């Protein structure tokens, strides 16, 4: 189905903001109303029974928020939201067959598709007003909340004699609300989110590997199966580790102790040492090894930009340096591949500087240990210079939540190209300044949200799905940049200023009335769908609730 002939109107959905006690009462009634022991293996059946009692089985309209991996399968941008009509609900599978009735962009989807119920959002306006759509929306909200925040990947392996409701329901609800209220420190909350994401990722990888194991007697297949079995063993082992860690966080007594000791970092000696020096900025030199001459030359080269009296520590692990650094510090990295699981204390501000050309200094994620983005910044100012950010299997390279991030002589790359992979995401109120930075292989190189800004000079965008995505009321200044070989558009701009709902495709001249965009001396070449795409604002953006941010 193409969006070309589909006109979308504003669609409001139902939202539910409930207290801990309300959620606890609801889930207790849904899952153990009959008073029996409910093992983990029975949970899905209880939900099937409940949804069959409450949900309208056919004929209601809603929005389908297409998940990231499904977007990847369809080769469409994430997030994508489409209007659907439900033709049938399969209660045992907790899914629905939907007919896609309207899409926003020029995309192609099947006319009908089986969709998990938790991905659907019933709309307030319905063609059949006799339907009880409020109860349907509330039931799906309950289902979505449960599987997003309370159900864990390892629960299916629970002992059949263990009552899941008695053992897990209240403790996990309290954990969720403790995080939502901010009763736990940010570092602990980040750790919990990371563990949950990693657990779900591992579960998906386990399922995929188990399907790939062959019954074929062929010798080459046996070798492959041995490799898969080894991977499976490692994944199951890691999943067990995550389960053990999460059980600590779920325990109310352990969590209370963590809250009481939020200021304890396990690195008190280092903190006291820094305080004794007056909290001066320090440098961290990360060197993976080399000859004595190479090492001496590398250290000497830091004198070009570091004052001679700068207190400097050395390490052979970038993540270690990031974790012990303080806000504003400079982390210097030598040649080689540096695996990290996050920005550490550099998140609040500082400098990450390579000692050589960006091509020879690669910063990439540790396997299964990173969040959705490699580097996540929310500080005043961060500078990245002379480094390559390689996304590997992550969704995004750099996420700028607030403040300013500067990129100088950097590369943002990925080998396994996908439409859903994002180079730099600039959230509302944040700012990006990039100079002489190279983007390649990405789905979208730079995403600039509403009220955010990107200033780009001498940057190259090559062999990506699209160069820049600009949300409504975002700002862009691009000078002497090159946009080549984009599979879609060089720049895609969402605006509320279009006089009609039809998108416009053209060159830079169609941006002449957009005062928030300045394009100077840029080169556009071989962009398959066009150089500039102006599209009307989507009216189908789902509201972001606090709880949706907890594991996002």
Protein backbone atom coordinates (compact mmCIF):
# COMPACT_ATOMS: atom_id res chain seq x y z
CA UNK A 1 0.00 0.00 0.00
CA UNK A 2 1.35 3.42 -0.92
CA UNK A 3 0.72 6.59 1.03
CA UNK A 4 0.26 8.65 -2.11
CA UNK A 5 -3.54 8.58 -2.02
CA UNK A 6 -4.06 8.29 1.73
CA UNK A 7 -5.12 11.41 3.65
CA UNK A 8 -4.69 11.13 7.39
CA UNK A 9 -6.77 13.07 9.87
CA UNK A 10 -5.90 13.76 13.47
CA UNK A 11 -6.40 10.62 15.51
CA UNK A 12 -6.63 10.73 19.30
CA UNK A 13 -5.96 7.67 21.40
CA UNK A 14 -6.79 6.69 24.96
CA UNK A 15 -4.11 7.00 27.64
CA UNK A 16 -4.13 5.63 31.19
CA UNK A 17 -2.02 6.90 34.09
CA UNK A 18 -2.54 4.65 37.12
CA UNK A 19 -1.08 4.36 40.59
CA UNK A 20 0.88 1.41 41.93
CA UNK A 21 -2.12 0.20 43.92
CA UNK A 22 -4.43 0.43 40.91
CA UNK A 23 -2.03 -1.58 38.77
CA UNK A 24 -1.48 -4.15 41.52
CA UNK A 25 -5.21 -4.68 42.03
CA UNK A 26 -5.87 -4.96 38.30
CA UNK A 27 -3.11 -7.47 37.60
CA UNK A 28 -3.96 -9.54 40.67
CA UNK A 29 -7.57 -9.80 39.50
CA UNK A 30 -6.56 -10.64 35.94
CA UNK A 31 -3.94 -13.27 36.76
CA UNK A 32 -5.12 -14.96 39.96
CA UNK A 33 -8.79 -14.18 40.34
CA UNK A 34 -9.63 -17.86 40.83
CA UNK A 35 -7.25 -18.18 43.77
CA UNK A 36 -5.11 -20.90 42.18
CA UNK A 37 -1.31 -20.99 42.01
CA UNK A 38 -0.37 -19.41 38.68
CA UNK A 39 3.04 -20.59 37.38
CA UNK A 40 4.83 -18.63 34.67
CA UNK A 41 3.72 -21.12 32.02
CA UNK A 42 0.07 -20.25 32.76
CA UNK A 43 0.42 -16.45 32.55
CA UNK A 44 -0.23 -16.19 28.82
CA UNK A 45 -3.35 -18.33 29.09
CA UNK A 46 -4.70 -16.04 31.84
CA UNK A 47 -4.19 -13.05 29.58
CA UNK A 48 -5.90 -14.85 26.70
CA UNK A 49 -8.90 -15.56 28.95
CA UNK A 50 -9.05 -11.93 30.13
CA UNK A 51 -8.75 -10.36 26.68
CA UNK A 52 -11.47 -12.63 25.32
CA UNK A 53 -13.80 -11.37 28.05
CA UNK A 54 -13.08 -7.67 27.50
CA UNK A 55 -11.87 -6.94 23.96
CA UNK A 56 -14.09 -6.15 21.02
CA UNK A 57 -13.18 -8.93 18.57
CA UNK A 58 -13.69 -7.06 15.30
CA UNK A 59 -14.46 -3.75 13.64
CA UNK A 60 -12.58 -1.13 15.67
CA UNK A 61 -10.07 1.40 14.39
CA UNK A 62 -6.68 2.10 15.90
CA UNK A 63 -3.06 3.03 15.34
CA UNK A 64 -0.33 0.48 14.86
CA UNK A 65 3.05 1.60 16.17
CA UNK A 66 5.30 -0.58 14.05
CA UNK A 67 8.25 -1.86 16.13
CA UNK A 68 11.85 -1.34 15.11
CA UNK A 69 12.63 -4.83 13.78
CA UNK A 70 9.38 -4.98 11.81
CA UNK A 71 10.28 -1.62 10.26
CA UNK A 72 13.59 -3.19 9.30
CA UNK A 73 11.81 -6.13 7.66
CA UNK A 74 9.55 -3.74 5.72
CA UNK A 75 12.53 -1.46 4.90
CA UNK A 76 10.75 1.60 6.29
CA UNK A 77 11.89 4.24 8.75
CA UNK A 78 11.45 3.79 12.48
CA UNK A 79 9.26 4.99 14.09
CA UNK A 80 6.34 4.51 11.68
CA UNK A 81 2.71 4.69 12.77
CA UNK A 82 -0.19 3.66 10.52
CA UNK A 83 -3.98 3.65 10.83
CA UNK A 84 -5.60 0.21 10.88
CA UNK A 85 -8.95 -1.51 11.26
CA UNK A 86 -9.13 -4.74 13.23
CA UNK A 87 -10.71 -7.61 11.29
CA UNK A 88 -10.19 -10.39 13.81
CA UNK A 89 -8.59 -10.94 17.22
CA UNK A 90 -6.76 -14.21 17.96
CA UNK A 91 -7.04 -14.30 21.74
CA UNK A 92 -4.85 -17.36 22.24
CA UNK A 93 -1.99 -15.63 20.40
CA UNK A 94 -2.78 -12.17 21.84
CA UNK A 95 -2.70 -10.81 18.30
CA UNK A 96 -5.03 -9.30 15.72
CA UNK A 97 -5.39 -9.40 11.96
CA UNK A 98 -5.53 -5.77 10.87
CA UNK A 99 -6.31 -4.06 7.60
CA UNK A 100 -4.02 -1.10 6.95
CA UNK A 101 -6.27 1.81 5.98
CA UNK A 102 -3.90 4.82 5.91
CA UNK A 103 -0.18 5.52 6.00
CA UNK A 104 1.67 8.82 6.27
CA UNK A 105 4.72 8.50 4.05
CA UNK A 106 5.37 7.07 0.62
CA UNK A 107 5.81 3.54 1.90
CA UNK A 108 4.56 0.13 0.85
CA UNK A 109 3.03 -2.30 3.33
CA UNK A 110 0.87 -5.42 3.04
CA UNK A 111 -2.88 -4.72 2.91
CA UNK A 112 -3.33 -6.96 5.96
CA UNK A 113 -0.99 -8.07 8.72
CA UNK A 114 -1.01 -10.05 11.97
CA UNK A 115 -0.07 -7.64 14.76
CA UNK A 116 0.57 -8.29 18.49
CA UNK A 117 -2.18 -6.59 20.50
CA UNK A 118 0.30 -4.62 22.58
CA UNK A 119 1.39 -2.73 19.42
CA UNK A 120 -2.16 -1.40 18.84
CA UNK A 121 -3.70 1.81 20.19
CA UNK A 122 -7.51 2.10 19.75
CA UNK A 123 -8.60 5.58 18.64
CA UNK A 124 -11.35 7.63 20.26
CA UNK A 125 -13.19 8.18 17.01
CA UNK A 126 -14.86 4.98 15.77
CA UNK A 127 -17.10 4.23 12.81
CA UNK A 128 -19.21 1.91 14.98
CA UNK A 129 -20.15 3.90 18.09
CA UNK A 130 -21.82 0.86 19.67
CA UNK A 131 -18.43 -0.73 20.37
CA UNK A 132 -16.99 -0.56 23.89
CA UNK A 133 -13.68 0.85 22.69
CA UNK A 134 -12.75 2.36 26.08
CA UNK A 135 -12.63 -1.06 27.74
CA UNK A 136 -10.77 -2.43 24.72
CA UNK A 137 -8.16 0.34 24.96
CA UNK A 138 -7.75 -0.14 28.71
CA UNK A 139 -7.34 -3.90 28.34
CA UNK A 140 -4.62 -3.46 25.71
CA UNK A 141 -2.92 -0.86 27.92
CA UNK A 142 -2.85 -3.39 30.77
CA UNK A 143 -1.40 -6.06 28.47
CA UNK A 144 1.23 -3.69 27.09
CA UNK A 145 2.28 -2.47 30.56
CA UNK A 146 2.61 -6.04 31.81
CA UNK A 147 4.78 -7.37 28.99
CA UNK A 148 6.88 -4.19 28.67
CA UNK A 149 7.71 -3.70 32.35
CA UNK A 150 6.83 -6.75 34.47
CA UNK A 151 7.49 -9.88 32.39
CA UNK A 152 11.14 -10.94 32.08
CA UNK A 153 12.74 -13.14 29.38
CA UNK A 154 13.77 -15.81 31.89
CA UNK A 155 10.32 -16.18 33.45
CA UNK A 156 9.37 -18.95 31.02
CA UNK A 157 12.01 -21.17 32.70
CA UNK A 158 10.50 -20.77 36.18
CA UNK A 159 9.66 -23.88 38.20
CA UNK A 160 6.07 -25.06 37.68
CA UNK A 161 5.49 -25.11 41.45
CA UNK A 162 6.32 -21.40 41.86
CA UNK A 163 3.44 -18.92 41.93
CA UNK A 164 4.52 -16.15 39.53
CA UNK A 165 2.00 -13.65 40.89
CA UNK A 166 3.00 -14.13 44.53
CA UNK A 167 6.72 -14.13 43.75
CA UNK A 168 7.08 -11.35 41.20
CA UNK A 169 4.06 -9.12 40.63
CA UNK A 170 4.28 -6.69 43.53
CA UNK A 171 8.09 -6.56 43.72
CA UNK A 172 8.42 -5.73 40.01
CA UNK A 173 5.62 -3.17 40.17
CA UNK A 174 7.35 -1.46 43.09
CA UNK A 175 10.63 -1.49 41.18
CA UNK A 176 8.91 0.20 38.22
CA UNK A 177 7.31 2.90 40.36
CA UNK A 178 10.52 3.48 42.35
CA UNK A 179 12.25 4.22 39.03
CA UNK A 180 9.36 6.33 37.76
CA UNK A 181 9.31 8.48 40.92
CA UNK A 182 13.09 8.95 40.87
CA UNK A 183 13.61 7.15 44.19
CA UNK A 184 16.70 5.44 42.75
CA UNK A 185 19.82 7.14 41.39
CA UNK A 186 20.19 7.59 37.65
CA UNK A 187 23.15 5.20 37.44
CA UNK A 188 21.16 2.35 39.03
CA UNK A 189 18.14 3.04 36.82
CA UNK A 190 20.36 3.03 33.73
CA UNK A 191 21.83 -0.30 34.81
CA UNK A 192 18.36 -1.84 35.24
CA UNK A 193 17.21 -0.60 31.83
CA UNK A 194 20.37 -1.95 30.22
CA UNK A 195 19.93 -5.36 31.84
CA UNK A 196 16.31 -5.58 30.71
CA UNK A 197 17.18 -4.58 27.15
CA UNK A 198 20.08 -7.00 27.03
CA UNK A 199 17.94 -9.82 28.41
CA UNK A 200 15.30 -9.31 25.73
CA UNK A 201 17.93 -9.06 23.02
CA UNK A 202 19.53 -12.31 24.19
CA UNK A 203 16.15 -14.04 24.31
CA UNK A 204 15.52 -13.05 20.68
CA UNK A 205 18.97 -14.26 19.64
CA UNK A 206 18.44 -17.58 21.44
CA UNK A 207 15.13 -18.12 19.65
CA UNK A 208 16.74 -17.33 16.30
CA UNK A 209 19.70 -19.68 16.88
CA UNK A 210 17.44 -22.52 18.01
CA UNK A 211 15.47 -22.20 14.77
CA UNK A 212 18.70 -22.25 12.73
CA UNK A 213 20.03 -25.48 14.22
CA UNK A 214 19.62 -28.13 11.54
CA UNK A 215 18.76 -31.82 11.60
CA UNK A 216 20.88 -32.25 8.46
CA UNK A 217 23.68 -34.82 8.69
CA UNK A 218 25.90 -32.85 6.31
CA UNK A 219 29.39 -32.30 7.76
CA UNK A 220 29.44 -28.56 7.05
CA UNK A 221 26.06 -28.20 8.79
CA UNK A 222 27.42 -30.08 11.82
CA UNK A 223 30.26 -27.55 12.12
CA UNK A 224 27.77 -24.69 11.89
CA UNK A 225 25.53 -26.32 14.47
CA UNK A 226 28.47 -26.79 16.83
CA UNK A 227 29.18 -23.07 16.54
CA UNK A 228 25.53 -22.24 17.15
CA UNK A 229 25.42 -24.57 20.15
CA UNK A 230 28.46 -22.83 21.60
CA UNK A 231 26.82 -19.44 21.07
CA UNK A 232 23.62 -20.72 22.68
CA UNK A 233 25.52 -21.91 25.73
CA UNK A 234 27.17 -18.50 26.14
CA UNK A 235 23.87 -16.69 25.69
CA UNK A 236 22.07 -18.88 28.24
CA UNK A 237 24.92 -18.32 30.68
CA UNK A 238 24.72 -14.54 30.23
CA UNK A 239 20.93 -14.61 30.59
CA UNK A 240 21.33 -16.43 33.91
CA UNK A 241 23.78 -13.75 35.05
CA UNK A 242 21.30 -11.01 34.15
CA UNK A 243 18.54 -12.84 36.01
CA UNK A 244 20.71 -13.01 39.15
CA UNK A 245 21.53 -9.28 38.94
CA UNK A 246 17.89 -8.33 38.39
CA UNK A 247 16.79 -10.40 41.38
CA UNK A 248 18.99 -8.17 43.54
CA UNK A 249 17.30 -5.03 42.19
CA UNK A 250 13.84 -6.57 42.56
CA UNK A 251 14.45 -7.35 46.24
CA UNK A 252 12.91 -4.43 48.23
CA UNK A 253 15.43 -4.71 51.08
CA UNK A 254 18.40 -4.67 48.71
CA UNK A 255 16.88 -1.79 46.78
CA UNK A 256 16.35 0.23 49.96
CA UNK A 257 20.01 -0.29 50.82
CA UNK A 258 21.00 0.96 47.36
CA UNK A 259 18.86 4.07 47.81
CA UNK A 260 20.44 4.78 51.22
CA UNK A 261 23.91 4.48 49.70
CA UNK A 262 23.38 6.26 46.38
CA UNK A 263 26.44 8.43 46.94
CA UNK A 264 28.69 5.36 47.25
CA UNK A 265 30.41 4.66 43.93
CA UNK A 266 32.98 2.06 44.98
CA UNK A 267 35.68 4.52 43.98
CA UNK A 268 35.88 6.70 47.09
CA UNK A 269 39.71 6.75 47.14
CA UNK A 270 39.76 8.24 43.65
CA UNK A 271 37.14 10.83 44.62
CA UNK A 272 39.12 11.91 47.69
CA UNK A 273 42.30 12.19 45.61
CA UNK A 274 40.57 14.47 43.13
CA UNK A 275 39.01 16.58 45.86
CA UNK A 276 42.45 17.07 47.44
CA UNK A 277 43.59 18.64 44.15
CA UNK A 278 40.64 21.02 44.05
CA UNK A 279 38.60 19.07 41.49
CA UNK A 280 40.87 20.13 38.61
CA UNK A 281 40.31 18.70 35.15
CA UNK A 282 42.42 15.64 34.37
CA UNK A 283 43.47 13.62 31.33
CA UNK A 284 43.15 9.88 30.72
CA UNK A 285 45.49 8.28 28.18
CA UNK A 286 44.15 5.04 26.65
CA UNK A 287 46.83 2.99 24.87
CA UNK A 288 46.35 -0.55 23.59
CA UNK A 289 50.07 -1.14 23.23
CA UNK A 290 52.94 -0.68 20.81
CA UNK A 291 56.69 -0.51 20.64
CA UNK A 292 58.54 1.65 23.14
CA UNK A 293 59.23 4.21 20.44
CA UNK A 294 55.56 4.32 19.37
CA UNK A 295 54.44 4.69 22.97
CA UNK A 296 56.85 7.53 23.66
CA UNK A 297 55.83 9.31 20.45
CA UNK A 298 52.15 8.95 21.33
CA UNK A 299 52.69 10.45 24.77
CA UNK A 300 54.77 13.27 23.31
CA UNK A 301 52.00 14.13 20.85
CA UNK A 302 49.65 14.93 23.74
CA UNK A 303 51.88 17.89 24.60
CA UNK A 304 50.48 19.69 21.56
CA UNK A 305 47.12 20.19 23.27
CA UNK A 306 47.61 19.39 26.99
CA UNK A 307 49.22 21.80 29.47
CA UNK A 308 52.41 20.27 30.86
CA UNK A 309 51.06 20.26 34.43
CA UNK A 310 47.91 18.26 33.56
CA UNK A 311 47.44 15.28 35.87
CA UNK A 312 47.33 12.28 33.52
CA UNK A 313 46.42 8.64 34.12
CA UNK A 314 47.03 5.76 31.71
CA UNK A 315 44.88 2.74 30.90
CA UNK A 316 44.53 0.05 28.26
CA UNK A 317 40.72 0.09 28.49
CA UNK A 318 38.60 2.96 27.18
CA UNK A 319 35.55 1.97 29.24
CA UNK A 320 37.63 2.05 32.42
CA UNK A 321 38.88 5.54 31.54
CA UNK A 322 35.34 6.76 30.82
CA UNK A 323 34.05 5.36 34.11
CA UNK A 324 36.73 6.97 36.31
CA UNK A 325 36.74 10.27 34.43
CA UNK A 326 34.95 13.29 35.81
CA UNK A 327 32.81 15.91 34.12
CA UNK A 328 34.98 18.03 31.81
CA UNK A 329 37.95 15.62 31.67
CA UNK A 330 39.75 14.80 28.44
CA UNK A 331 40.07 11.15 27.39
CA UNK A 332 42.80 10.57 24.79
CA UNK A 333 42.75 7.32 22.82
CA UNK A 334 45.38 5.71 20.63
CA UNK A 335 45.04 3.55 17.55
CA UNK A 336 42.96 0.39 17.62
CA UNK A 337 39.48 -0.91 18.28
CA UNK A 338 38.00 0.19 21.61
CA UNK A 339 34.88 -1.63 22.86
CA UNK A 340 32.63 0.26 25.27
CA UNK A 341 29.20 -0.14 26.85
CA UNK A 342 28.48 3.58 27.25
CA UNK A 343 29.88 7.08 27.69
CA UNK A 344 30.56 6.67 31.41
CA UNK A 345 31.09 9.95 33.23
CA UNK A 346 31.79 11.70 29.94
CA UNK A 347 28.01 11.71 29.55
CA UNK A 348 27.91 14.95 31.57
CA UNK A 349 30.58 16.71 29.49
CA UNK A 350 34.21 16.46 28.43
CA UNK A 351 36.42 15.52 25.49
CA UNK A 352 37.10 12.24 23.69
CA UNK A 353 40.07 12.79 21.37
CA UNK A 354 41.88 10.40 19.06
CA UNK A 355 45.64 10.68 18.58
CA UNK A 356 45.60 9.74 14.91
CA UNK A 357 43.29 9.78 11.91
CA UNK A 358 39.71 8.74 12.64
CA UNK A 359 39.99 5.66 10.38
CA UNK A 360 42.51 4.07 12.74
CA UNK A 361 40.66 4.79 16.00
CA UNK A 362 37.41 2.83 16.24
CA UNK A 363 34.95 3.08 19.12
CA UNK A 364 32.36 0.29 19.00
CA UNK A 365 29.91 -1.51 21.31
CA UNK A 366 30.70 -4.51 23.47
CA UNK A 367 28.65 -7.49 22.40
CA UNK A 368 25.17 -7.49 24.05
CA UNK A 369 26.21 -5.02 26.75
CA UNK A 370 25.22 -1.64 25.27
CA UNK A 371 21.92 0.22 25.23
CA UNK A 372 20.18 1.36 22.04
CA UNK A 373 22.90 3.99 21.41
CA UNK A 374 26.66 3.73 21.80
CA UNK A 375 27.20 7.21 23.26
CA UNK A 376 24.48 8.96 25.26
CA UNK A 377 25.13 12.58 26.27
CA UNK A 378 23.18 14.92 28.55
CA UNK A 379 25.86 17.35 29.73
CA UNK A 380 26.77 20.95 29.01
CA UNK A 381 29.33 20.33 26.24
CA UNK A 382 31.07 17.28 24.75
CA UNK A 383 33.77 17.25 22.07
CA UNK A 384 34.54 14.16 19.97
CA UNK A 385 37.58 14.47 17.71
CA UNK A 386 39.44 12.10 15.37
CA UNK A 387 37.40 8.98 16.15
CA UNK A 388 35.25 6.50 14.24
CA UNK A 389 31.94 5.54 15.85
CA UNK A 390 30.93 2.09 14.56
CA UNK A 391 27.33 1.17 15.45
CA UNK A 392 27.65 -2.58 14.73
CA UNK A 393 24.27 -3.98 15.87
CA UNK A 394 23.08 -0.91 17.77
CA UNK A 395 20.21 1.29 16.63
CA UNK A 396 22.03 4.63 17.06
CA UNK A 397 25.57 5.93 17.32
CA UNK A 398 25.20 9.13 19.35
CA UNK A 399 22.19 10.34 21.32
CA UNK A 400 22.22 14.01 22.43
CA UNK A 401 19.61 14.49 25.14
CA UNK A 402 20.59 18.05 26.05
CA UNK A 403 23.53 20.42 25.85
CA UNK A 404 25.98 20.67 22.96
CA UNK A 405 27.97 17.93 21.22
CA UNK A 406 30.77 18.86 18.81
CA UNK A 407 32.13 16.41 16.23
CA UNK A 408 35.42 17.26 14.54
CA UNK A 409 37.15 15.01 11.98
CA UNK A 410 34.97 12.04 12.96
CA UNK A 411 33.38 9.12 11.13
CA UNK A 412 29.96 7.62 11.95
CA UNK A 413 29.69 4.28 10.17
CA UNK A 414 28.01 0.89 10.06
CA UNK A 415 28.77 -2.13 7.87
CA UNK A 416 25.40 -3.90 8.07
CA UNK A 417 23.27 -1.15 6.55
CA UNK A 418 19.67 -0.91 7.71
CA UNK A 419 16.97 1.72 7.29
CA UNK A 420 16.48 1.86 11.08
CA UNK A 421 20.09 2.67 11.99
CA UNK A 422 20.67 6.29 13.04
CA UNK A 423 23.98 8.13 13.19
CA UNK A 424 23.29 11.09 15.51
CA UNK A 425 19.95 11.85 17.19
CA UNK A 426 19.49 15.40 18.52
CA UNK A 427 16.61 15.57 21.00
CA UNK A 428 14.50 18.71 21.74
CA UNK A 429 16.57 21.58 23.13
CA UNK A 430 19.92 19.94 22.27
CA UNK A 431 22.50 21.08 19.71
CA UNK A 432 24.97 19.40 17.34
CA UNK A 433 27.96 21.06 15.67
CA UNK A 434 29.79 18.79 13.21
CA UNK A 435 32.86 19.70 11.16
CA UNK A 436 34.55 17.52 8.55
CA UNK A 437 32.60 14.47 9.68
CA UNK A 438 31.85 11.49 7.42
CA UNK A 439 28.61 9.49 7.59
CA UNK A 440 28.16 6.23 5.67
CA UNK A 441 26.07 3.05 5.63
CA UNK A 442 23.36 4.45 7.91
CA UNK A 443 19.60 4.54 7.65
CA UNK A 444 19.44 8.21 8.65
CA UNK A 445 22.69 10.05 9.35
CA UNK A 446 21.35 12.89 11.50
CA UNK A 447 17.89 13.18 13.10
CA UNK A 448 17.01 16.65 14.44
CA UNK A 449 13.94 16.74 16.69
CA UNK A 450 11.59 19.66 17.30
CA UNK A 451 13.35 22.64 18.98
CA UNK A 452 16.76 21.02 18.37
CA UNK A 453 19.52 22.36 16.11
CA UNK A 454 22.29 21.00 13.89
CA UNK A 455 25.15 23.08 12.44
CA UNK A 456 27.15 21.15 9.84
CA UNK A 457 30.17 22.21 7.82
CA UNK A 458 32.38 20.26 5.40
CA UNK A 459 30.52 17.03 6.22
CA UNK A 460 30.00 14.09 3.86
CA UNK A 461 26.84 11.96 3.72
CA UNK A 462 27.37 8.99 1.43
CA UNK A 463 25.67 5.66 0.69
CA UNK A 464 22.93 6.04 3.32
CA UNK A 465 19.17 5.66 3.07
CA UNK A 466 18.78 9.37 3.83
CA UNK A 467 21.09 12.14 4.97
CA UNK A 468 19.18 14.34 7.40
CA UNK A 469 15.71 14.06 8.93
CA UNK A 470 14.30 17.34 10.26
CA UNK A 471 11.24 17.32 12.49
CA UNK A 472 8.87 20.28 12.56
CA UNK A 473 10.37 23.47 14.09
CA UNK A 474 13.91 22.11 14.10
CA UNK A 475 16.89 24.14 12.86
CA UNK A 476 19.60 23.26 10.35
CA UNK A 477 22.61 25.10 8.97
CA UNK A 478 24.68 23.17 6.41
CA UNK A 479 27.63 24.64 4.52
CA UNK A 480 29.97 22.99 2.02
CA UNK A 481 28.49 19.55 2.73
CA UNK A 482 28.17 16.66 0.28
CA UNK A 483 25.07 14.45 -0.03
CA UNK A 484 25.66 11.55 -2.41
CA UNK A 485 24.16 8.14 -3.21
CA UNK A 486 21.25 8.36 -0.74
CA UNK A 487 18.75 5.60 -1.43
CA UNK A 488 15.91 8.00 -0.61
CA UNK A 489 16.36 11.73 0.06
CA UNK A 490 19.34 13.85 1.06
CA UNK A 491 17.17 15.94 3.41
CA UNK A 492 13.67 15.07 4.62
CA UNK A 493 11.87 17.94 6.36
CA UNK A 494 8.59 17.71 8.27
CA UNK A 495 6.69 21.00 8.38
CA UNK A 496 3.29 22.39 9.34
CA UNK A 497 3.67 25.22 6.80
CA UNK A 498 2.52 23.31 3.71
CA UNK A 499 -0.72 24.71 2.31
CA UNK A 500 -1.90 21.23 1.41
CA UNK A 501 -1.19 17.73 2.61
CA UNK A 502 0.83 16.75 -0.44
CA UNK A 503 4.57 16.27 -0.01
CA UNK A 504 6.94 18.33 -2.16
CA UNK A 505 10.09 16.93 -3.76
CA UNK A 506 12.72 19.14 -5.33
CA UNK A 507 16.02 20.91 -4.85
CA UNK A 508 17.22 23.43 -2.26
CA UNK A 509 14.97 26.15 -3.73
CA UNK A 510 11.86 24.57 -2.16
CA UNK A 511 13.34 25.47 1.23
CA UNK A 512 13.50 29.20 0.44
CA UNK A 513 10.57 30.00 2.75
CA UNK A 514 11.96 27.92 5.62
CA UNK A 515 13.75 30.55 7.73
CA UNK A 516 15.02 27.92 10.16
CA UNK A 517 17.06 26.19 7.42
CA UNK A 518 20.20 27.54 5.78
CA UNK A 519 21.90 25.53 3.00
CA UNK A 520 25.06 27.02 1.48
CA UNK A 521 27.46 25.61 -1.13
CA UNK A 522 26.30 22.01 -0.64
CA UNK A 523 26.61 19.31 -3.30
CA UNK A 524 23.79 16.87 -4.10
CA UNK A 525 24.41 13.92 -6.41
CA UNK A 526 22.70 10.60 -7.22
CA UNK A 527 20.07 10.70 -4.46
CA UNK A 528 17.55 8.21 -5.81
CA UNK A 529 14.20 9.68 -4.68
CA UNK A 530 15.31 13.31 -4.74
CA UNK A 531 17.42 15.87 -2.94
CA UNK A 532 14.84 17.56 -0.70
CA UNK A 533 11.53 16.16 0.57
CA UNK A 534 9.07 18.49 2.32
CA UNK A 535 6.26 16.59 4.01
CA UNK A 536 3.32 17.67 6.17
CA UNK A 537 3.43 17.01 9.90
CA UNK A 538 2.12 13.66 11.01
CA UNK A 539 -1.03 13.80 13.12
CA UNK A 540 -0.43 10.32 14.44
CA UNK A 541 2.37 10.87 16.94
CA UNK A 542 1.62 8.85 20.04
CA UNK A 543 1.97 10.70 23.37
CA UNK A 544 5.10 9.83 25.35
CA UNK A 545 4.23 8.72 28.86
CA UNK A 546 6.78 8.68 31.66
CA UNK A 547 6.64 4.92 31.92
CA UNK A 548 7.47 4.58 28.22
CA UNK A 549 10.82 6.24 28.91
CA UNK A 550 11.89 3.80 31.60
CA UNK A 551 13.36 1.16 29.33
CA UNK A 552 13.52 3.13 26.10
